[in-house]
C-alpha atoms as a PDB file:
ATOM      1  CA  MET A   1     112.373  86.115  63.520  1.00  0.00           C
ATOM      2  CA  LEU A   2     115.885  85.133  64.818  1.00  0.00           C
ATOM      3  CA  ARG A   3     114.870  86.240  68.435  1.00  0.00           C
ATOM      4  CA  ARG A   4     112.025  84.185  68.436  1.00  0.00           C
ATOM      5  CA  GLU A   5     114.454  81.315  68.040  1.00  0.00           C
ATOM      6  CA  PRO A   6     116.522  80.849  71.381  1.00  0.00           C
ATOM      7  CA  MET A   7     119.144  78.630  69.199  1.00  0.00           C
ATOM      8  CA  LEU A   8     119.585  81.404  66.637  1.00  0.00           C
ATOM      9  CA  SER A   9     119.319  84.155  68.820  1.00  0.00           C
ATOM     10  CA  SER A  10     121.976  83.249  70.659  1.00  0.00           C
ATOM     11  CA  ARG A  11     124.422  83.087  68.247  1.00  0.00           C
ATOM     12  CA  ILE A  12     123.984  86.580  67.718  1.00  0.00           C
ATOM     13  CA  PHE A  13     126.971  88.654  69.650  1.00  0.00           C
ATOM     14  CA  ILE A  14     125.462  92.463  68.843  1.00  0.00           C
ATOM     15  CA  TRP A  15     122.352  93.329  67.182  1.00  0.00           C
ATOM     16  CA  GLN A  16     122.840  96.066  64.654  1.00  0.00           C
ATOM     17  CA  HIS A  17     120.069  98.569  63.830  1.00  0.00           C
ATOM     18  CA  PHE A  18     120.018  99.926  60.490  1.00  0.00           C
ATOM     19  CA  THR A  19     118.400 103.144  59.436  1.00  0.00           C
ATOM     20  CA  ARG A  20     117.951 104.451  56.048  1.00  0.00           C
ATOM     21  CA  LEU A  21     120.250 106.477  54.165  1.00  0.00           C
ATOM     22  CA  THR A  22     119.298 110.483  53.909  1.00  0.00           C
ATOM     23  CA  PRO A  23     119.114 111.918  50.605  1.00  0.00           C
ATOM     24  CA  SER A  24     122.577 113.536  51.116  1.00  0.00           C
ATOM     25  CA  GLU A  25     124.083 110.432  52.561  1.00  0.00           C
ATOM     26  CA  VAL A  26     122.655 108.947  49.327  1.00  0.00           C
ATOM     27  CA  LEU A  27     124.304 111.306  47.190  1.00  0.00           C
ATOM     28  CA  GLU A  28     127.218 111.123  48.656  1.00  0.00           C
ATOM     29  CA  ALA A  29     127.799 106.926  49.086  1.00  0.00           C
ATOM     30  CA  ILE A  30     126.296 105.615  45.972  1.00  0.00           C
ATOM     31  CA  PRO A  31     128.721 107.124  43.631  1.00  0.00           C
ATOM     32  CA  LEU A  32     131.417 105.248  45.385  1.00  0.00           C
ATOM     33  CA  PHE A  33     129.183 101.943  45.720  1.00  0.00           C
ATOM     34  CA  HIS A  34     129.483 101.287  41.912  1.00  0.00           C
ATOM     35  CA  PRO A  35     130.985 102.602  38.884  1.00  0.00           C
ATOM     36  CA  ILE A  36     127.838 103.236  37.081  1.00  0.00           C
ATOM     37  CA  TRP A  37     126.869 105.581  39.540  1.00  0.00           C
ATOM     38  CA  ALA A  38     130.348 107.360  39.525  1.00  0.00           C
ATOM     39  CA  ASP A  39     129.859 109.811  36.692  1.00  0.00           C
ATOM     40  CA  ALA A  40     125.734 109.731  37.128  1.00  0.00           C
ATOM     41  CA  ASP A  41     124.181 113.152  37.152  1.00  0.00           C
ATOM     42  CA  PRO A  42     123.386 113.803  41.186  1.00  0.00           C
ATOM     43  CA  ASP A  43     119.889 114.418  39.930  1.00  0.00           C
ATOM     44  CA  ASP A  44     119.438 111.071  38.296  1.00  0.00           C
ATOM     45  CA  ILE A  45     120.730 109.283  41.594  1.00  0.00           C
ATOM     46  CA  ALA A  46     118.253 111.445  43.422  1.00  0.00           C
ATOM     47  CA  PHE A  47     115.427 110.247  41.240  1.00  0.00           C
ATOM     48  CA  ALA A  48     116.475 106.735  41.455  1.00  0.00           C
ATOM     49  CA  ASP A  49     116.146 106.920  45.478  1.00  0.00           C
ATOM     50  CA  SER A  50     113.043 108.828  45.504  1.00  0.00           C
ATOM     51  CA  HIS A  51     111.359 106.738  43.084  1.00  0.00           C
ATOM     52  CA  ALA A  52     112.769 103.060  43.910  1.00  0.00           C
ATOM     53  CA  ALA A  53     115.524 102.867  46.599  1.00  0.00           C
ATOM     54  CA  HIS A  54     114.516 105.303  49.277  1.00  0.00           C
ATOM     55  CA  GLY A  55     117.659 105.419  51.169  1.00  0.00           C
ATOM     56  CA  ASN A  56     117.651 101.456  51.369  1.00  0.00           C
ATOM     57  CA  PHE A  57     120.624  99.976  50.679  1.00  0.00           C
ATOM     58  CA  ARG A  58     119.532  96.303  49.607  1.00  0.00           C
ATOM     59  CA  ALA A  59     117.499  98.220  47.315  1.00  0.00           C
ATOM     60  CA  TRP A  60     120.341 100.530  45.835  1.00  0.00           C
ATOM     61  CA  ALA A  61     122.050  96.791  45.055  1.00  0.00           C
ATOM     62  CA  GLN A  62     119.025  95.282  43.182  1.00  0.00           C
ATOM     63  CA  LEU A  63     118.261  98.659  41.408  1.00  0.00           C
ATOM     64  CA  THR A  64     122.264  98.593  40.248  1.00  0.00           C
ATOM     65  CA  ALA A  65     121.850  95.028  38.815  1.00  0.00           C
ATOM     66  CA  HIS A  66     119.071  95.936  36.852  1.00  0.00           C
ATOM     67  CA  THR A  67     120.632  99.078  35.512  1.00  0.00           C
ATOM     68  CA  CYS A  68     124.071  97.408  34.620  1.00  0.00           C
ATOM     69  CA  THR A  69     121.562  94.874  32.593  1.00  0.00           C
ATOM     70  CA  ALA A  70     119.993  97.593  31.162  1.00  0.00           C
ATOM     71  CA  LEU A  71     123.243  99.707  30.247  1.00  0.00           C
ATOM     72  CA  THR A  72     124.576  96.557  28.774  1.00  0.00           C
ATOM     73  CA  ARG A  73     121.190  95.864  26.606  1.00  0.00           C
ATOM     74  CA  THR A  74     121.183  99.398  25.296  1.00  0.00           C
ATOM     75  CA  GLY A  75     124.960 100.305  24.731  1.00  0.00           C
ATOM     76  CA  ARG A  76     124.217 103.463  26.572  1.00  0.00           C
ATOM     77  CA  PRO A  77     127.482 105.158  28.372  1.00  0.00           C
ATOM     78  CA  ARG A  78     125.352 106.450  31.133  1.00  0.00           C
ATOM     79  CA  VAL A  79     122.498 106.099  33.539  1.00  0.00           C
ATOM     80  CA  ASP A  80     119.637 108.456  32.812  1.00  0.00           C
ATOM     81  CA  GLN A  81     116.245 108.545  33.831  1.00  0.00           C
ATOM     82  CA  GLU A  82     114.920 106.858  30.721  1.00  0.00           C
ATOM     83  CA  LEU A  83     117.024 103.851  31.535  1.00  0.00           C
ATOM     84  CA  LEU A  84     116.094 104.289  35.359  1.00  0.00           C
ATOM     85  CA  ARG A  85     112.446 103.552  34.497  1.00  0.00           C
ATOM     86  CA  TRP A  86     112.933 100.641  32.871  1.00  0.00           C
ATOM     87  CA  ALA A  87     115.044  99.463  35.803  1.00  0.00           C
ATOM     88  CA  PHE A  88     112.279 100.400  38.194  1.00  0.00           C
ATOM     89  CA  SER A  89     109.971  98.257  36.135  1.00  0.00           C
ATOM     90  CA  ARG A  90     111.925  95.139  36.779  1.00  0.00           C
ATOM     91  CA  LEU A  91     112.265  95.519  40.669  1.00  0.00           C
ATOM     92  CA  ALA A  92     110.163  93.107  42.673  1.00  0.00           C
END
């Protein structure tokens, strides 16, 4: 869209291409991204990635927000698959 508008396109110094995180990159980066993922089981992180985030960092940010809400509402101390399923249902 920006490329089609010369006035906007001319303001982009360098076009960046983003690719999805690989499963191993997800397991490395996501625990560092937010404290709720720091002590999460790697299997739960992989579950969240394969069912909702698909290596997309923007999707991880949205999933994290919904998961934080779920943790607050339920009073649970850690992320688990049941909690993640609830968060998945809130994703647009």
